[in-house]
Amino acid sequence: MRSQGEGIGPGVSLGVMWSLWHLPVIDYLGTASPHGVYLLPFPFAFALAMTAMRVLIALVYTRTNSVFLAQLMHVSSTGSLVVFGAWLADAAQETVWYALYGLGLWLVTLIFRKTIARRRFRREPD
């Protein structure tokens, strides 16, 4: 049986690295506008969202051992950012959008972990 917290530490570490990997494109690909004074807050908001997504991917992989599901989550995350992204937003609005997206993902992560913990440690009838 896997421990309840398995996937969290590596997911956070990988999420931070994943966010750093995307730093060079912050003012080029995939952003609404140059960030100017938001050049520092935006990467933190972006990292909040990317780290939460990476933790969710790690939790799903840990629970299912499915590389396909993990990759599907990555693709759906990227696709949803393209479809629902703040394309016409200014730098301030985009920073807030990513911060809210990140907080929402962390809420989903918390609910997912609580659901798994409750289901996993429920005693089976004899």
C-alpha atoms as a PDB file:
ATOM      1  CA  MET A   1       0.000   0.000   0.000  1.00  0.00           C
ATOM      2  CA  ARG A   2       1.327   3.434  -0.885  1.00  0.00           C
ATOM      3  CA  SER A   3       1.475   6.148   1.703  1.00  0.00           C
ATOM      4  CA  GLN A   4      -1.075   8.942   1.473  1.00  0.00           C
ATOM      5  CA  GLY A   5       1.517  11.672   0.845  1.00  0.00           C
ATOM      6  CA  GLU A   6       3.390   9.830  -1.897  1.00  0.00           C
ATOM      7  CA  GLY A   7       3.695  11.992  -4.986  1.00  0.00           C
ATOM      8  CA  ILE A   8       3.349  15.325  -3.171  1.00  0.00           C
ATOM      9  CA  GLY A   9       7.045  16.095  -2.551  1.00  0.00           C
ATOM     10  CA  PRO A  10       8.228  14.970  -5.971  1.00  0.00           C
ATOM     11  CA  GLY A  11       5.242  16.696  -7.574  1.00  0.00           C
ATOM     12  CA  VAL A  12       6.102  20.011  -5.901  1.00  0.00           C
ATOM     13  CA  SER A  13       9.796  19.678  -6.816  1.00  0.00           C
ATOM     14  CA  LEU A  14       8.980  18.846 -10.409  1.00  0.00           C
ATOM     15  CA  GLY A  15       6.338  21.588 -10.536  1.00  0.00           C
ATOM     16  CA  VAL A  16       8.855  24.224  -9.463  1.00  0.00           C
ATOM     17  CA  MET A  17      11.336  22.953 -12.063  1.00  0.00           C
ATOM     18  CA  TRP A  18       8.539  22.881 -14.653  1.00  0.00           C
ATOM     19  CA  SER A  19       7.738  26.513 -13.858  1.00  0.00           C
ATOM     20  CA  LEU A  20      11.400  27.515 -14.149  1.00  0.00           C
ATOM     21  CA  TRP A  21      11.608  25.699 -17.493  1.00  0.00           C
ATOM     22  CA  HIS A  22       8.850  27.983 -18.816  1.00  0.00           C
ATOM     23  CA  LEU A  23      10.365  31.252 -17.526  1.00  0.00           C
ATOM     24  CA  PRO A  24      12.171  32.146 -20.785  1.00  0.00           C
ATOM     25  CA  VAL A  25       8.872  32.355 -22.657  1.00  0.00           C
ATOM     26  CA  ILE A  26       6.963  34.495 -20.149  1.00  0.00           C
ATOM     27  CA  ASP A  27       7.020  37.587 -22.339  1.00  0.00           C
ATOM     28  CA  TYR A  28       6.936  35.725 -25.649  1.00  0.00           C
ATOM     29  CA  LEU A  29       4.922  32.547 -26.179  1.00  0.00           C
ATOM     30  CA  GLY A  30       1.651  31.900 -24.409  1.00  0.00           C
ATOM     31  CA  THR A  31       1.213  35.215 -22.630  1.00  0.00           C
ATOM     32  CA  ALA A  32      -1.264  37.984 -23.237  1.00  0.00           C
ATOM     33  CA  SER A  33       1.151  40.895 -23.095  1.00  0.00           C
ATOM     34  CA  PRO A  34       4.601  41.952 -21.877  1.00  0.00           C
ATOM     35  CA  HIS A  35       4.470  42.020 -18.088  1.00  0.00           C
ATOM     36  CA  GLY A  36       6.482  45.147 -17.235  1.00  0.00           C
ATOM     37  CA  VAL A  37       5.954  45.808 -13.522  1.00  0.00           C
ATOM     38  CA  TYR A  38       4.310  42.370 -13.199  1.00  0.00           C
ATOM     39  CA  LEU A  39       7.466  40.591 -14.334  1.00  0.00           C
ATOM     40  CA  LEU A  40       8.001  39.340 -10.756  1.00  0.00           C
ATOM     41  CA  PRO A  41       4.401  38.631  -9.608  1.00  0.00           C
ATOM     42  CA  PHE A  42       3.465  36.826 -12.834  1.00  0.00           C
ATOM     43  CA  PRO A  43       6.073  34.037 -12.548  1.00  0.00           C
ATOM     44  CA  PHE A  44       4.928  33.372  -8.971  1.00  0.00           C
ATOM     45  CA  ALA A  45       1.288  33.129 -10.055  1.00  0.00           C
ATOM     46  CA  PHE A  46       2.326  30.941 -12.990  1.00  0.00           C
ATOM     47  CA  ALA A  47       4.436  28.722 -10.695  1.00  0.00           C
ATOM     48  CA  LEU A  48       1.493  28.389  -8.299  1.00  0.00           C
ATOM     49  CA  ALA A  49      -0.649  27.002 -11.114  1.00  0.00           C
ATOM     50  CA  MET A  50       2.023  24.827 -12.744  1.00  0.00           C
ATOM     51  CA  THR A  51       3.132  23.308  -9.440  1.00  0.00           C
ATOM     52  CA  ALA A  52      -0.455  22.470  -8.494  1.00  0.00           C
ATOM     53  CA  MET A  53      -1.023  20.815 -11.877  1.00  0.00           C
ATOM     54  CA  ARG A  54       2.201  18.824 -11.550  1.00  0.00           C
ATOM     55  CA  VAL A  55       1.182  17.632  -8.060  1.00  0.00           C
ATOM     56  CA  LEU A  56      -2.198  16.538  -9.432  1.00  0.00           C
ATOM     57  CA  ILE A  57      -0.468  14.679 -12.257  1.00  0.00           C
ATOM     58  CA  ALA A  58       1.876  12.996  -9.748  1.00  0.00           C
ATOM     59  CA  LEU A  59      -1.051  11.997  -7.514  1.00  0.00           C
ATOM     60  CA  VAL A  60      -2.972  10.536 -10.453  1.00  0.00           C
ATOM     61  CA  TYR A  61       0.093   8.651 -11.650  1.00  0.00           C
ATOM     62  CA  THR A  62       0.830   7.381  -8.118  1.00  0.00           C
ATOM     63  CA  ARG A  63      -2.763   6.209  -7.755  1.00  0.00           C
ATOM     64  CA  THR A  64      -3.155   4.619 -11.212  1.00  0.00           C
ATOM     65  CA  ASN A  65       0.386   3.850 -12.479  1.00  0.00           C
ATOM     66  CA  SER A  66      -0.849   5.135 -15.836  1.00  0.00           C
ATOM     67  CA  VAL A  67       1.578   7.206 -17.878  1.00  0.00           C
ATOM     68  CA  PHE A  68      -1.257   7.683 -20.375  1.00  0.00           C
ATOM     69  CA  LEU A  69      -3.497   9.381 -17.770  1.00  0.00           C
ATOM     70  CA  ALA A  70      -0.606  11.558 -16.588  1.00  0.00           C
ATOM     71  CA  GLN A  71       0.129  12.625 -20.168  1.00  0.00           C
ATOM     72  CA  LEU A  72      -3.577  13.175 -20.838  1.00  0.00           C
ATOM     73  CA  MET A  73      -3.693  15.515 -17.844  1.00  0.00           C
ATOM     74  CA  HIS A  74      -0.703  17.451 -19.178  1.00  0.00           C
ATOM     75  CA  VAL A  75      -2.279  17.777 -22.622  1.00  0.00           C
ATOM     76  CA  SER A  76      -5.656  18.801 -21.211  1.00  0.00           C
ATOM     77  CA  SER A  77      -3.969  21.394 -18.984  1.00  0.00           C
ATOM     78  CA  THR A  78      -2.127  22.929 -21.918  1.00  0.00           C
ATOM     79  CA  GLY A  79      -5.233  22.777 -24.089  1.00  0.00           C
ATOM     80  CA  SER A  80      -7.415  24.413 -21.440  1.00  0.00           C
ATOM     81  CA  LEU A  81      -4.863  27.203 -21.025  1.00  0.00           C
ATOM     82  CA  VAL A  82      -5.039  27.825 -24.768  1.00  0.00           C
ATOM     83  CA  VAL A  83      -8.844  27.752 -24.886  1.00  0.00           C
ATOM     84  CA  PHE A  84      -9.660  29.502 -21.596  1.00  0.00           C
ATOM     85  CA  GLY A  85      -6.528  31.622 -21.235  1.00  0.00           C
ATOM     86  CA  ALA A  86      -6.632  35.337 -20.662  1.00  0.00           C
ATOM     87  CA  TRP A  87      -5.620  36.275 -24.218  1.00  0.00           C
ATOM     88  CA  LEU A  88      -7.041  39.799 -24.246  1.00  0.00           C
ATOM     89  CA  ALA A  89      -6.024  40.595 -20.686  1.00  0.00           C
ATOM     90  CA  ASP A  90      -3.415  43.066 -19.621  1.00  0.00           C
ATOM     91  CA  ALA A  91      -0.471  41.968 -17.475  1.00  0.00           C
ATOM     92  CA  ALA A  92      -2.249  42.640 -14.170  1.00  0.00           C
ATOM     93  CA  GLN A  93      -5.356  40.698 -15.205  1.00  0.00           C
ATOM     94  CA  GLU A  94      -3.300  37.791 -16.512  1.00  0.00           C
ATOM     95  CA  THR A  95      -1.345  37.626 -13.255  1.00  0.00           C
ATOM     96  CA  VAL A  96      -4.585  37.505 -11.249  1.00  0.00           C
ATOM     97  CA  TRP A  97      -6.029  34.913 -13.658  1.00  0.00           C
ATOM     98  CA  TYR A  98      -3.056  32.564 -13.162  1.00  0.00           C
ATOM     99  CA  ALA A  99      -3.133  33.102  -9.392  1.00  0.00           C
ATOM    100  CA  LEU A 100      -6.833  32.174  -9.255  1.00  0.00           C
ATOM    101  CA  TYR A 101      -6.265  29.211 -11.573  1.00  0.00           C
ATOM    102  CA  GLY A 102      -3.442  28.046  -9.308  1.00  0.00           C
ATOM    103  CA  LEU A 103      -5.547  28.411  -6.161  1.00  0.00           C
ATOM    104  CA  GLY A 104      -8.356  26.479  -7.841  1.00  0.00           C
ATOM    105  CA  LEU A 105      -5.959  23.680  -8.785  1.00  0.00           C
ATOM    106  CA  TRP A 106      -4.618  23.529  -5.220  1.00  0.00           C
ATOM    107  CA  LEU A 107      -8.215  23.261  -3.973  1.00  0.00           C
ATOM    108  CA  VAL A 108      -8.810  20.360  -6.378  1.00  0.00           C
ATOM    109  CA  THR A 109      -5.555  18.783  -5.134  1.00  0.00           C
ATOM    110  CA  LEU A 110      -6.690  19.073  -1.516  1.00  0.00           C
ATOM    111  CA  ILE A 111     -10.095  17.546  -2.307  1.00  0.00           C
ATOM    112  CA  PHE A 112      -8.441  14.771  -4.339  1.00  0.00           C
ATOM    113  CA  ARG A 113      -6.060  13.924  -1.486  1.00  0.00           C
ATOM    114  CA  LYS A 114      -8.831  13.948   1.120  1.00  0.00           C
ATOM    115  CA  THR A 115     -11.002  11.713  -1.057  1.00  0.00           C
ATOM    116  CA  ILE A 116      -8.156   9.264  -1.640  1.00  0.00           C
ATOM    117  CA  ALA A 117      -7.238   9.218   2.056  1.00  0.00           C
ATOM    118  CA  ARG A 118     -10.816   8.556   3.120  1.00  0.00           C
ATOM    119  CA  ARG A 119     -11.291   5.807   0.532  1.00  0.00           C
ATOM    120  CA  ARG A 120      -7.871   4.204   0.996  1.00  0.00           C
ATOM    121  CA  PHE A 121      -7.928   3.934   4.779  1.00  0.00           C
ATOM    122  CA  ARG A 122     -11.556   2.872   5.196  1.00  0.00           C
ATOM    123  CA  ARG A 123     -11.632  -0.474   6.956  1.00  0.00           C
ATOM    124  CA  GLU A 124     -12.942  -3.337   4.872  1.00  0.00           C
ATOM    125  CA  PRO A 125     -15.612  -5.585   6.500  1.00  0.00           C
ATOM    126  CA  ASP A 126     -14.300  -8.970   7.661  1.00  0.00           C
END
